[in-house]
Protein backbone atom coordinates (compact mmCIF):
# COMPACT_ATOMS: atom_id res chain seq x y z
CA PHE A 1 9.96 47.02 -26.10
CA GLN A 2 6.42 45.62 -26.43
CA ALA A 3 7.76 42.07 -26.67
CA ALA A 4 9.76 42.43 -23.50
CA ARG A 5 6.77 43.91 -21.70
CA ALA A 6 4.53 41.02 -22.96
CA MET A 7 7.08 38.49 -21.71
CA ARG A 8 7.28 40.24 -18.29
CA ASP A 9 3.51 40.28 -18.09
CA ALA A 10 3.28 36.60 -19.05
CA ALA A 11 5.96 35.73 -16.47
CA ALA A 12 4.07 37.62 -13.78
CA MET A 13 0.83 35.89 -14.74
CA ALA A 14 2.50 32.46 -14.70
CA GLN A 15 3.93 33.20 -11.27
CA ALA A 16 0.55 34.29 -9.98
CA ILE A 17 -1.09 31.14 -11.34
CA THR A 18 1.64 28.95 -9.82
CA GLN A 19 1.19 30.63 -6.41
CA ALA A 20 -2.58 30.28 -6.56
CA MET A 21 -2.27 26.60 -7.55
CA SER A 22 0.29 25.97 -4.81
CA SER A 23 -1.94 27.59 -2.26
CA GLN A 24 -4.95 25.58 -3.47
CA THR A 25 -2.95 22.38 -3.48
CA LYS A 26 -1.65 23.03 -0.01
CA GLN A 27 -5.20 23.62 1.22
CA GLN A 28 -6.40 20.43 -0.41
CA ILE A 29 -3.58 18.45 1.19
CA GLU A 30 -4.30 19.97 4.57
CA GLN A 31 -8.05 19.18 4.23
CA GLN A 32 -7.30 15.59 3.19
CA SER A 33 -4.85 15.16 6.05
CA ALA A 34 -7.41 16.50 8.49
CA GLN A 35 -10.11 14.21 7.14
CA THR A 36 -7.96 11.08 7.08
CA GLY A 37 -6.11 11.92 10.26
CA ALA A 38 -9.32 11.74 12.26
CA SER A 39 -10.40 8.47 10.77
CA THR A 40 -7.12 6.58 10.37
CA SER A 41 -6.25 5.79 13.96
CA VAL A 42 -4.43 2.44 14.13
CA PRO A 43 -6.54 -0.24 15.86
CA ASP A 44 -5.00 -2.31 18.66
CA VAL A 45 -5.89 -5.51 16.83
CA MET A 46 -5.56 -5.70 13.03
CA THR A 47 -6.39 -7.94 10.16
CA PRO A 48 -3.53 -8.88 7.84
CA ALA A 49 -4.73 -6.26 5.40
CA GLU A 50 -4.73 -3.57 8.09
CA ALA A 51 -1.29 -4.71 9.25
CA ALA A 52 -0.02 -4.56 5.70
CA ALA A 53 -1.32 -1.00 5.32
CA TYR A 54 0.27 -0.05 8.69
CA LEU A 55 3.63 -1.57 7.59
CA ARG A 56 3.25 -0.35 3.98
CA VAL A 57 3.88 -3.78 2.57
CA SER A 58 1.63 -6.34 0.80
CA GLU A 59 -0.77 -8.57 2.61
CA ASP A 60 1.18 -11.54 1.22
CA ASP A 61 4.31 -10.19 2.95
CA VAL A 62 2.41 -10.02 6.27
CA MET A 63 1.13 -13.54 5.82
CA ALA A 64 4.64 -14.80 4.99
CA LEU A 65 5.96 -13.24 8.19
CA ILE A 66 3.19 -14.90 10.20
CA GLU A 67 3.69 -18.31 8.57
CA SER A 68 7.49 -18.15 9.12
CA GLY A 69 6.91 -17.32 12.81
CA GLU A 70 8.68 -13.94 12.58
CA LEU A 71 5.43 -12.13 13.31
CA LYS A 72 3.14 -13.51 16.00
CA ALA A 73 -0.57 -13.67 15.23
CA ARG A 74 -3.70 -15.47 16.41
CA ARG A 75 -6.07 -17.47 14.36
CA ILE A 76 -9.68 -17.10 15.35
CA GLY A 77 -11.57 -19.62 13.28
CA SER A 78 -10.42 -18.97 9.75
CA GLN A 79 -9.47 -15.35 10.53
CA VAL A 80 -6.02 -14.01 11.44
CA ARG A 81 -5.52 -11.14 13.89
CA ILE A 82 -2.33 -9.29 14.77
CA SER A 83 -1.75 -7.09 17.71
CA LYS A 84 -0.34 -3.58 17.11
CA ALA A 85 1.96 -4.10 20.09
CA VAL A 86 3.39 -7.21 18.40
CA ILE A 87 3.93 -5.35 15.15
CA ASP A 88 5.63 -2.45 16.98
CA GLU A 89 7.81 -4.89 18.80
CA PHE A 90 8.65 -6.67 15.55
CA LEU A 91 9.75 -3.35 14.06
CA LYS A 92 12.09 -2.67 16.95
CA GLY A 93 13.96 -5.86 15.99
């Protein structure tokens, strides 16, 4: 009887810990989302690195698309800039 009671108590404690951790994790995710959501607005003009992050691909992939002519971009001196509107149009196909 004591073993069953100890197992029940352990299960209840594990459930309470899991719920507390889930609540804490949820709060952390919400806080991170709130913090990053305010600061991660997509700029109208992007560098290849920013475009890669926006598209969730590598910067090399973005540069390959630009060099192949599939993605329009502008060179300003040695720098490359891509319009968000161009990227969104590219994604539409």
